[in-house]
Amino acid sequence: MKLICSLFITFLKIGAFTFGGGYAMIALLENEFVEKK
């Protein structure tokens, strides 16, 4: 359950402040999931 909440918060943060759709979020998602976790 903690993993699901963490994923939800991460996608909410990135989705709320990103313009340009999915392609614009790819770099931010990679940074968040690969380098920070």
Protein backbone atom coordinates (compact mmCIF):
# COMPACT_ATOMS: atom_id res chain seq x y z
CA MET A 1 0.00 0.00 0.00
CA LYS A 2 2.88 2.35 0.77
CA LEU A 3 4.29 1.81 -2.74
CA ILE A 4 0.97 2.70 -4.36
CA CYS A 5 0.70 5.88 -2.29
CA SER A 6 4.26 6.83 -3.20
CA LEU A 7 3.57 6.30 -6.91
CA PHE A 8 0.37 8.34 -6.67
CA ILE A 9 2.11 11.27 -4.97
CA THR A 10 4.96 11.20 -7.49
CA PHE A 11 2.66 11.18 -10.53
CA LEU A 12 0.48 13.87 -8.94
CA LYS A 13 3.49 16.14 -8.36
CA ILE A 14 4.85 15.69 -11.86
CA GLY A 15 1.47 15.84 -13.61
CA ALA A 16 0.40 19.01 -11.83
CA PHE A 17 3.44 21.04 -12.88
CA THR A 18 4.22 19.69 -16.35
CA PHE A 19 2.99 21.11 -19.63
CA GLY A 20 3.21 19.29 -22.95
CA GLY A 21 1.73 15.90 -22.18
CA GLY A 22 3.40 12.56 -21.71
CA TYR A 23 6.53 13.25 -23.72
CA ALA A 24 7.41 16.19 -21.49
CA MET A 25 7.06 14.05 -18.37
CA ILE A 26 9.35 11.22 -19.47
CA ALA A 27 12.57 12.95 -18.38
CA LEU A 28 11.08 13.94 -15.04
CA LEU A 29 9.75 10.44 -14.40
CA GLU A 30 13.13 8.93 -15.24
CA ASN A 31 14.84 11.31 -12.86
CA GLU A 32 12.37 10.57 -10.08
CA PHE A 33 12.29 6.78 -10.36
CA VAL A 34 15.80 5.90 -11.52
CA GLU A 35 18.08 8.41 -9.86
CA LYS A 36 16.22 9.21 -6.63
CA LYS A 37 14.86 5.77 -5.74
